[in-house]
């Protein structure tokens, strides 16, 4: 197993979420194709639910707290 994967296994949930943020930012800065096609389709579905009033957006910091709470 590569050292980076082993390090990830020892991270806290908070550290893992911060790492995901960092990786996505790094890929974007390097000119990577974000979002991938499958994610673009899911984003469009979400936008349709928001437009229909089925869902409402929340700020990303609040969403991260919800995600963190789900893994504690």
C-alpha atoms as a PDB file:
ATOM      1  CA  UNK A   1       0.000   0.000   0.000  1.00  0.00           C
ATOM      2  CA  UNK A   2       1.423   3.440  -0.891  1.00  0.00           C
ATOM      3  CA  UNK A   3       2.491   5.550   2.092  1.00  0.00           C
ATOM      4  CA  UNK A   4      -0.083   8.244   1.320  1.00  0.00           C
ATOM      5  CA  UNK A   5      -2.924   5.713   1.563  1.00  0.00           C
ATOM      6  CA  UNK A   6      -1.590   4.408   4.832  1.00  0.00           C
ATOM      7  CA  UNK A   7      -1.420   7.984   6.153  1.00  0.00           C
ATOM      8  CA  UNK A   8      -5.034   8.553   5.097  1.00  0.00           C
ATOM      9  CA  UNK A   9      -6.089   5.487   7.079  1.00  0.00           C
ATOM     10  CA  UNK A  10      -4.725   7.155  10.231  1.00  0.00           C
ATOM     11  CA  UNK A  11      -6.394  10.547   9.647  1.00  0.00           C
ATOM     12  CA  UNK A  12      -9.369  11.800  11.573  1.00  0.00           C
ATOM     13  CA  UNK A  13     -12.596  12.375   9.664  1.00  0.00           C
ATOM     14  CA  UNK A  14     -11.944  16.105   9.758  1.00  0.00           C
ATOM     15  CA  UNK A  15      -8.486  15.638   8.277  1.00  0.00           C
ATOM     16  CA  UNK A  16      -9.884  13.387   5.537  1.00  0.00           C
ATOM     17  CA  UNK A  17     -12.510  15.981   4.554  1.00  0.00           C
ATOM     18  CA  UNK A  18      -9.842  18.697   4.482  1.00  0.00           C
ATOM     19  CA  UNK A  19      -7.722  16.405   2.288  1.00  0.00           C
ATOM     20  CA  UNK A  20     -10.618  15.921  -0.131  1.00  0.00           C
ATOM     21  CA  UNK A  21     -11.010  19.705  -0.372  1.00  0.00           C
ATOM     22  CA  UNK A  22      -7.288  20.046  -1.020  1.00  0.00           C
ATOM     23  CA  UNK A  23      -7.221  17.309  -3.671  1.00  0.00           C
ATOM     24  CA  UNK A  24     -10.182  18.752  -5.582  1.00  0.00           C
ATOM     25  CA  UNK A  25      -8.598  22.196  -5.506  1.00  0.00           C
ATOM     26  CA  UNK A  26      -5.264  20.778  -6.668  1.00  0.00           C
ATOM     27  CA  UNK A  27      -6.867  18.874  -9.555  1.00  0.00           C
ATOM     28  CA  UNK A  28      -8.765  21.971 -10.611  1.00  0.00           C
ATOM     29  CA  UNK A  29      -5.623  24.149 -10.546  1.00  0.00           C
ATOM     30  CA  UNK A  30      -3.748  21.559 -12.606  1.00  0.00           C
ATOM     31  CA  UNK A  31      -6.392  21.797 -15.325  1.00  0.00           C
ATOM     32  CA  UNK A  32      -8.127  18.555 -14.480  1.00  0.00           C
ATOM     33  CA  UNK A  33     -11.598  17.972 -15.837  1.00  0.00           C
ATOM     34  CA  UNK A  34     -13.915  18.867 -12.970  1.00  0.00           C
ATOM     35  CA  UNK A  35     -16.570  17.850 -12.509  1.00  0.00           C
ATOM     36  CA  UNK A  36     -16.473  14.490 -14.311  1.00  0.00           C
ATOM     37  CA  UNK A  37     -19.409  13.708 -16.610  1.00  0.00           C
ATOM     38  CA  UNK A  38     -21.260  11.543 -14.066  1.00  0.00           C
ATOM     39  CA  UNK A  39     -20.990  14.286 -11.464  1.00  0.00           C
ATOM     40  CA  UNK A  40     -22.212  16.902 -13.928  1.00  0.00           C
ATOM     41  CA  UNK A  41     -25.356  14.776 -14.474  1.00  0.00           C
ATOM     42  CA  UNK A  42     -25.938  14.580 -10.706  1.00  0.00           C
ATOM     43  CA  UNK A  43     -25.442  18.337 -10.354  1.00  0.00           C
ATOM     44  CA  UNK A  44     -28.094  18.938 -13.024  1.00  0.00           C
ATOM     45  CA  UNK A  45     -30.522  16.645 -11.188  1.00  0.00           C
ATOM     46  CA  UNK A  46     -29.879  18.552  -7.961  1.00  0.00           C
ATOM     47  CA  UNK A  47     -30.359  21.896  -9.724  1.00  0.00           C
ATOM     48  CA  UNK A  48     -33.711  20.641 -11.030  1.00  0.00           C
ATOM     49  CA  UNK A  49     -34.819  19.625  -7.502  1.00  0.00           C
ATOM     50  CA  UNK A  50     -33.797  23.036  -6.162  1.00  0.00           C
ATOM     51  CA  UNK A  51     -35.640  24.809  -8.988  1.00  0.00           C
ATOM     52  CA  UNK A  52     -38.745  22.721  -8.215  1.00  0.00           C
ATOM     53  CA  UNK A  53     -38.550  23.623  -4.520  1.00  0.00           C
ATOM     54  CA  UNK A  54     -37.902  20.029  -3.462  1.00  0.00           C
ATOM     55  CA  UNK A  55     -34.479  20.855  -2.015  1.00  0.00           C
ATOM     56  CA  UNK A  56     -32.813  23.995  -0.774  1.00  0.00           C
ATOM     57  CA  UNK A  57     -29.096  24.696  -0.815  1.00  0.00           C
ATOM     58  CA  UNK A  58     -27.081  25.189   2.341  1.00  0.00           C
ATOM     59  CA  UNK A  59     -23.655  26.844   2.682  1.00  0.00           C
ATOM     60  CA  UNK A  60     -20.694  24.506   2.129  1.00  0.00           C
ATOM     61  CA  UNK A  61     -19.285  25.037   5.681  1.00  0.00           C
ATOM     62  CA  UNK A  62     -22.648  23.916   7.118  1.00  0.00           C
ATOM     63  CA  UNK A  63     -22.736  20.921   4.780  1.00  0.00           C
ATOM     64  CA  UNK A  64     -19.248  19.880   5.879  1.00  0.00           C
ATOM     65  CA  UNK A  65     -20.353  19.979   9.517  1.00  0.00           C
ATOM     66  CA  UNK A  66     -23.314  17.734   8.688  1.00  0.00           C
ATOM     67  CA  UNK A  67     -21.004  15.321   6.867  1.00  0.00           C
ATOM     68  CA  UNK A  68     -18.522  15.302   9.739  1.00  0.00           C
ATOM     69  CA  UNK A  69     -21.363  14.571  12.187  1.00  0.00           C
ATOM     70  CA  UNK A  70     -22.478  11.591  10.096  1.00  0.00           C
ATOM     71  CA  UNK A  71     -19.085   9.924  10.620  1.00  0.00           C
ATOM     72  CA  UNK A  72     -18.637  10.516  14.327  1.00  0.00           C
END
